Amino acid sequence: MKKNLQSVATLLDREIDSTIKEWLRRVSLLPELTQIAVSDEDRSRHLPQLFHDLACRLRLAQDIRLLASSAATAHGQRRRLQGYSPAMLVEESRLFRWSRSRRYTFTEANSIKSNCFQP
C-alpha cells in the first residue's frame, strides 16, 4: 500500500488557520507580549502572508536565491511603531516557529516527503 506523501509546504497551507489560532493562544499567555494592547486581528494580520512566503520558499528549487519577505519586513516595522522591543519580536518569532512545528502529528510527520523542495 502506497502512502499519500505530502510536502511540508502543503501541510503549512492546510494548517494556516489552526496554527494561527494556537499561536494567538500562546501569545495571550505571555504578559511581556500582551502588555501592548493589540487586537488578535492586528496581532496576527501578518501571519497568512508569512505562511504563504514560507510555503513558496519550500517549493523553490534549492539553488534559487531567496528574497527577503516583504510581509516580515512590514510586520517588523508595524511592531516597532506599536512599541514592541526587539526582544518581544524575537519571542513572537519563537512562538511562531513552535506553533508551526507542534501542529504536525507523528502520522503527518511520517507522510512528509523527505525532500520538501520537490514539487
N, C-alpha and C. Protein backbone atom coordinates (compact mmCIF):
# COMPACT_ATOMS: atom_id res chain seq x y z
N MET A 1 0.85 -1.18 0.00
CA MET A 1 0.00 0.00 0.00
C MET A 1 0.90 1.24 0.00
N LYS A 2 0.65 2.11 -0.92
CA LYS A 2 1.45 3.33 -1.04
C LYS A 2 0.86 4.44 -0.18
N LYS A 3 1.74 5.09 0.62
CA LYS A 3 1.27 6.19 1.46
C LYS A 3 1.08 7.45 0.63
N ASN A 4 0.14 8.28 1.05
CA ASN A 4 -0.09 9.57 0.40
C ASN A 4 0.90 10.57 0.99
N LEU A 5 1.99 10.83 0.26
CA LEU A 5 3.02 11.74 0.75
C LEU A 5 2.63 13.19 0.49
N GLN A 6 2.89 14.04 1.46
CA GLN A 6 2.59 15.47 1.35
C GLN A 6 3.85 16.25 1.67
N SER A 7 4.03 17.34 0.95
CA SER A 7 5.18 18.18 1.22
C SER A 7 4.92 19.02 2.47
N VAL A 8 5.98 19.53 3.06
CA VAL A 8 5.86 20.42 4.21
C VAL A 8 5.05 21.65 3.79
N ALA A 9 5.29 22.15 2.58
CA ALA A 9 4.56 23.33 2.09
C ALA A 9 3.06 23.05 2.04
N THR A 10 2.67 21.87 1.61
CA THR A 10 1.24 21.51 1.56
C THR A 10 0.65 21.47 2.96
N LEU A 11 1.39 20.90 3.90
CA LEU A 11 0.92 20.87 5.29
C LEU A 11 0.78 22.28 5.85
N LEU A 12 1.74 23.15 5.55
CA LEU A 12 1.64 24.55 6.00
C LEU A 12 0.38 25.20 5.46
N ASP A 13 0.15 25.03 4.16
CA ASP A 13 -1.04 25.61 3.54
C ASP A 13 -2.32 25.14 4.22
N ARG A 14 -2.36 23.85 4.54
CA ARG A 14 -3.57 23.27 5.13
C ARG A 14 -3.79 23.71 6.57
N GLU A 15 -2.72 23.99 7.29
CA GLU A 15 -2.81 24.25 8.73
C GLU A 15 -2.74 25.73 9.12
N ILE A 16 -2.84 26.63 8.18
CA ILE A 16 -2.69 28.06 8.49
C ILE A 16 -3.62 28.51 9.61
N ASP A 17 -4.90 28.30 9.44
CA ASP A 17 -5.88 28.82 10.41
C ASP A 17 -5.69 28.22 11.81
N SER A 18 -5.51 26.92 11.87
CA SER A 18 -5.37 26.29 13.19
C SER A 18 -4.04 26.69 13.85
N THR A 19 -3.01 26.89 13.06
CA THR A 19 -1.72 27.28 13.63
C THR A 19 -1.78 28.72 14.14
N ILE A 20 -2.45 29.59 13.41
CA ILE A 20 -2.61 30.97 13.86
C ILE A 20 -3.40 31.00 15.16
N LYS A 21 -4.44 30.20 15.23
CA LYS A 21 -5.25 30.14 16.46
C LYS A 21 -4.40 29.69 17.64
N GLU A 22 -3.57 28.66 17.44
CA GLU A 22 -2.69 28.17 18.51
C GLU A 22 -1.65 29.24 18.88
N TRP A 23 -1.10 29.91 17.88
CA TRP A 23 -0.11 30.97 18.13
C TRP A 23 -0.73 32.08 18.98
N LEU A 24 -1.93 32.52 18.63
CA LEU A 24 -2.61 33.56 19.39
C LEU A 24 -2.86 33.12 20.84
N ARG A 25 -3.22 31.87 21.00
CA ARG A 25 -3.45 31.34 22.36
C ARG A 25 -2.16 31.42 23.18
N ARG A 26 -1.06 31.02 22.58
CA ARG A 26 0.22 31.03 23.30
C ARG A 26 0.70 32.45 23.57
N VAL A 27 0.50 33.35 22.60
CA VAL A 27 0.88 34.76 22.81
C VAL A 27 0.10 35.34 23.97
N SER A 28 -1.18 35.00 24.07
CA SER A 28 -2.02 35.56 25.13
C SER A 28 -1.57 35.13 26.53
N LEU A 29 -0.75 34.10 26.61
CA LEU A 29 -0.25 33.62 27.90
C LEU A 29 1.01 34.33 28.36
N LEU A 30 1.58 35.18 27.50
CA LEU A 30 2.84 35.84 27.84
C LEU A 30 2.63 37.32 28.11
N PRO A 31 2.69 37.71 29.38
CA PRO A 31 2.47 39.12 29.72
C PRO A 31 3.42 40.08 29.01
N GLU A 32 4.65 39.63 28.73
CA GLU A 32 5.59 40.51 28.05
C GLU A 32 5.14 40.84 26.62
N LEU A 33 4.30 39.99 26.02
CA LEU A 33 3.77 40.28 24.68
C LEU A 33 2.41 40.96 24.73
N THR A 34 1.66 40.71 25.77
CA THR A 34 0.32 41.29 25.86
C THR A 34 0.30 42.64 26.57
N GLN A 35 1.45 43.10 27.05
CA GLN A 35 1.48 44.39 27.73
C GLN A 35 1.14 45.54 26.78
N ILE A 36 1.32 45.33 25.49
CA ILE A 36 0.92 46.31 24.49
C ILE A 36 -0.42 45.85 23.92
N ALA A 37 -1.42 46.67 24.11
CA ALA A 37 -2.77 46.30 23.69
C ALA A 37 -2.88 46.31 22.16
N VAL A 38 -3.04 45.11 21.61
CA VAL A 38 -3.21 44.92 20.17
C VAL A 38 -4.31 43.87 20.01
N SER A 39 -5.23 44.12 19.10
CA SER A 39 -6.30 43.13 18.87
C SER A 39 -5.70 41.86 18.26
N ASP A 40 -6.40 40.74 18.44
CA ASP A 40 -5.95 39.49 17.84
C ASP A 40 -5.81 39.63 16.34
N GLU A 41 -6.74 40.34 15.73
CA GLU A 41 -6.69 40.53 14.27
C GLU A 41 -5.41 41.27 13.87
N ASP A 42 -5.10 42.34 14.56
CA ASP A 42 -3.89 43.10 14.23
C ASP A 42 -2.64 42.32 14.61
N ARG A 43 -2.70 41.58 15.69
CA ARG A 43 -1.55 40.81 16.14
C ARG A 43 -1.18 39.72 15.13
N SER A 44 -2.17 39.15 14.47
CA SER A 44 -1.92 38.02 13.57
C SER A 44 -2.07 38.37 12.09
N ARG A 45 -2.31 39.61 11.78
CA ARG A 45 -2.56 40.04 10.39
C ARG A 45 -1.45 39.61 9.43
N HIS A 46 -0.22 39.60 9.88
CA HIS A 46 0.92 39.29 9.03
C HIS A 46 1.11 37.79 8.79
N LEU A 47 0.52 36.95 9.61
CA LEU A 47 0.82 35.52 9.56
C LEU A 47 0.40 34.81 8.27
N PRO A 48 -0.79 35.06 7.71
CA PRO A 48 -1.12 34.37 6.47
C PRO A 48 -0.09 34.61 5.36
N GLN A 49 0.38 35.84 5.23
CA GLN A 49 1.37 36.12 4.20
C GLN A 49 2.71 35.47 4.53
N LEU A 50 3.07 35.45 5.81
CA LEU A 50 4.31 34.76 6.20
C LEU A 50 4.23 33.26 5.89
N PHE A 51 3.09 32.65 6.15
CA PHE A 51 2.90 31.24 5.80
C PHE A 51 3.03 31.05 4.29
N HIS A 52 2.40 31.93 3.54
CA HIS A 52 2.47 31.85 2.07
C HIS A 52 3.92 31.97 1.61
N ASP A 53 4.65 32.95 2.14
CA ASP A 53 6.05 33.14 1.78
C ASP A 53 6.87 31.89 2.10
N LEU A 54 6.64 31.33 3.27
CA LEU A 54 7.38 30.14 3.69
C LEU A 54 7.08 28.96 2.77
N ALA A 55 5.80 28.74 2.48
CA ALA A 55 5.42 27.63 1.59
C ALA A 55 6.03 27.82 0.21
N CYS A 56 6.04 29.04 -0.29
CA CYS A 56 6.66 29.31 -1.60
C CYS A 56 8.15 29.00 -1.56
N ARG A 57 8.82 29.38 -0.48
CA ARG A 57 10.25 29.10 -0.36
C ARG A 57 10.51 27.59 -0.34
N LEU A 58 9.66 26.85 0.33
CA LEU A 58 9.84 25.40 0.40
C LEU A 58 9.64 24.74 -0.96
N ARG A 59 8.84 25.36 -1.82
CA ARG A 59 8.58 24.79 -3.14
C ARG A 59 9.62 25.16 -4.18
N LEU A 60 10.50 26.09 -3.86
CA LEU A 60 11.54 26.51 -4.81
C LEU A 60 12.65 25.46 -4.91
N ALA A 61 13.32 25.47 -6.05
CA ALA A 61 14.50 24.62 -6.20
C ALA A 61 15.56 25.10 -5.21
N GLN A 62 16.42 24.21 -4.80
CA GLN A 62 17.41 24.52 -3.77
C GLN A 62 18.42 25.58 -4.21
N ASP A 63 18.63 25.75 -5.49
CA ASP A 63 19.64 26.69 -5.95
C ASP A 63 19.09 28.08 -6.26
N ILE A 64 17.84 28.33 -5.93
CA ILE A 64 17.22 29.63 -6.17
C ILE A 64 17.59 30.60 -5.04
N ARG A 65 17.98 31.81 -5.40
CA ARG A 65 18.29 32.84 -4.40
C ARG A 65 16.99 33.34 -3.80
N LEU A 66 16.91 33.34 -2.48
CA LEU A 66 15.69 33.74 -1.79
C LEU A 66 15.72 35.24 -1.50
N LEU A 67 14.61 35.90 -1.77
CA LEU A 67 14.48 37.31 -1.45
C LEU A 67 13.89 37.47 -0.05
N ALA A 68 14.11 38.62 0.54
CA ALA A 68 13.54 38.90 1.85
C ALA A 68 12.02 38.93 1.74
N SER A 69 11.35 38.53 2.78
CA SER A 69 9.89 38.54 2.83
C SER A 69 9.40 39.95 3.11
N SER A 70 8.63 40.50 2.17
CA SER A 70 8.09 41.84 2.39
C SER A 70 7.09 41.84 3.55
N ALA A 71 6.41 40.71 3.76
CA ALA A 71 5.46 40.60 4.87
C ALA A 71 6.20 40.67 6.21
N ALA A 72 7.35 40.02 6.30
CA ALA A 72 8.13 40.05 7.54
C ALA A 72 8.67 41.45 7.80
N THR A 73 9.13 42.10 6.76
CA THR A 73 9.64 43.47 6.90
C THR A 73 8.54 44.41 7.38
N ALA A 74 7.38 44.34 6.74
CA ALA A 74 6.25 45.20 7.13
C ALA A 74 5.81 44.91 8.56
N HIS A 75 5.82 43.64 8.93
CA HIS A 75 5.43 43.26 10.29
C HIS A 75 6.39 43.87 11.31
N GLY A 76 7.69 43.77 11.07
CA GLY A 76 8.68 44.34 11.98
C GLY A 76 8.52 45.84 12.13
N GLN A 77 8.28 46.51 11.01
CA GLN A 77 8.09 47.97 11.05
C GLN A 77 6.83 48.34 11.83
N ARG A 78 5.75 47.58 11.60
CA ARG A 78 4.48 47.86 12.31
C ARG A 78 4.65 47.63 13.81
N ARG A 79 5.32 46.52 14.19
CA ARG A 79 5.52 46.24 15.61
C ARG A 79 6.38 47.32 16.27
N ARG A 80 7.37 47.80 15.58
CA ARG A 80 8.22 48.87 16.14
C ARG A 80 7.39 50.10 16.43
N LEU A 81 6.49 50.47 15.50
CA LEU A 81 5.62 51.63 15.71
C LEU A 81 4.65 51.39 16.87
N GLN A 82 4.30 50.14 17.12
CA GLN A 82 3.39 49.80 18.21
C GLN A 82 4.12 49.77 19.56
N GLY A 83 5.43 49.86 19.54
CA GLY A 83 6.18 49.90 20.79
C GLY A 83 6.84 48.59 21.19
N TYR A 84 6.84 47.62 20.30
CA TYR A 84 7.50 46.35 20.61
C TYR A 84 9.01 46.54 20.66
N SER A 85 9.65 45.85 21.57
CA SER A 85 11.10 45.84 21.65
C SER A 85 11.63 44.72 20.73
N PRO A 86 12.91 44.74 20.40
CA PRO A 86 13.47 43.62 19.63
C PRO A 86 13.27 42.27 20.34
N ALA A 87 13.39 42.26 21.65
CA ALA A 87 13.18 41.01 22.40
C ALA A 87 11.75 40.49 22.24
N MET A 88 10.79 41.39 22.20
CA MET A 88 9.40 40.98 22.00
C MET A 88 9.21 40.37 20.61
N LEU A 89 9.84 40.94 19.61
CA LEU A 89 9.75 40.39 18.25
C LEU A 89 10.38 39.01 18.18
N VAL A 90 11.49 38.84 18.87
CA VAL A 90 12.14 37.53 18.91
C VAL A 90 11.21 36.51 19.56
N GLU A 91 10.56 36.89 20.63
CA GLU A 91 9.64 35.98 21.33
C GLU A 91 8.45 35.62 20.44
N GLU A 92 7.90 36.60 19.73
CA GLU A 92 6.82 36.31 18.77
C GLU A 92 7.29 35.31 17.73
N SER A 93 8.48 35.53 17.22
CA SER A 93 9.03 34.64 16.20
C SER A 93 9.24 33.23 16.75
N ARG A 94 9.73 33.15 17.96
CA ARG A 94 9.94 31.84 18.60
C ARG A 94 8.61 31.09 18.72
N LEU A 95 7.56 31.80 19.13
CA LEU A 95 6.25 31.17 19.25
C LEU A 95 5.70 30.76 17.89
N PHE A 96 5.99 31.54 16.86
CA PHE A 96 5.56 31.20 15.51
C PHE A 96 6.20 29.89 15.08
N ARG A 97 7.51 29.76 15.28
CA ARG A 97 8.20 28.52 14.92
C ARG A 97 7.66 27.35 15.74
N TRP A 98 7.47 27.56 17.03
CA TRP A 98 6.97 26.49 17.90
C TRP A 98 5.57 26.06 17.47
N SER A 99 4.69 27.04 17.21
CA SER A 99 3.32 26.72 16.82
C SER A 99 3.28 25.93 15.52
N ARG A 100 4.11 26.30 14.57
CA ARG A 100 4.18 25.57 13.30
C ARG A 100 4.60 24.13 13.54
N SER A 101 5.65 23.95 14.30
CA SER A 101 6.19 22.60 14.48
C SER A 101 5.25 21.72 15.29
N ARG A 102 4.51 22.27 16.20
CA ARG A 102 3.61 21.48 17.05
C ARG A 102 2.32 21.08 16.36
N ARG A 103 2.01 21.66 15.22
CA ARG A 103 0.76 21.36 14.53
C ARG A 103 0.78 20.00 13.85
N TYR A 104 1.94 19.45 13.63
CA TYR A 104 2.03 18.22 12.87
C TYR A 104 2.09 17.02 13.79
N THR A 105 1.21 16.09 13.57
CA THR A 105 1.20 14.87 14.37
C THR A 105 2.28 13.93 13.87
N PHE A 106 2.54 12.89 14.63
CA PHE A 106 3.52 11.89 14.24
C PHE A 106 3.15 11.28 12.88
N THR A 107 1.88 11.00 12.68
CA THR A 107 1.42 10.42 11.41
C THR A 107 1.71 11.37 10.26
N GLU A 108 1.38 12.66 10.44
CA GLU A 108 1.64 13.63 9.39
C GLU A 108 3.13 13.75 9.12
N ALA A 109 3.92 13.73 10.18
CA ALA A 109 5.37 13.85 10.01
C ALA A 109 5.90 12.68 9.18
N ASN A 110 5.33 11.52 9.36
CA ASN A 110 5.77 10.35 8.59
C ASN A 110 5.31 10.40 7.15
N SER A 111 4.33 11.24 6.83
CA SER A 111 3.84 11.30 5.45
C SER A 111 4.50 12.44 4.66
N ILE A 112 5.38 13.21 5.30
CA ILE A 112 6.04 14.32 4.63
C ILE A 112 7.12 13.76 3.71
N LYS A 113 7.20 14.31 2.52
CA LYS A 113 8.25 13.90 1.60
C LYS A 113 9.61 14.19 2.23
N SER A 114 10.55 13.32 1.99
CA SER A 114 11.87 13.51 2.57
C SER A 114 12.56 14.72 1.99
N ASN A 115 12.28 15.08 0.75
CA ASN A 115 12.87 16.28 0.17
C ASN A 115 11.75 17.27 -0.08
N CYS A 116 11.60 18.23 0.81
CA CYS A 116 10.48 19.16 0.74
C CYS A 116 10.63 20.14 -0.42
N PHE A 117 11.76 20.14 -1.12
CA PHE A 117 11.95 21.06 -2.22
C PHE A 117 11.43 20.47 -3.53
N GLN A 118 10.97 19.24 -3.52
CA GLN A 118 10.40 18.68 -4.73
C GLN A 118 8.99 19.22 -4.92
N PRO A 119 8.57 19.41 -6.19
CA PRO A 119 7.20 19.93 -6.43
C PRO A 119 6.17 18.91 -6.03
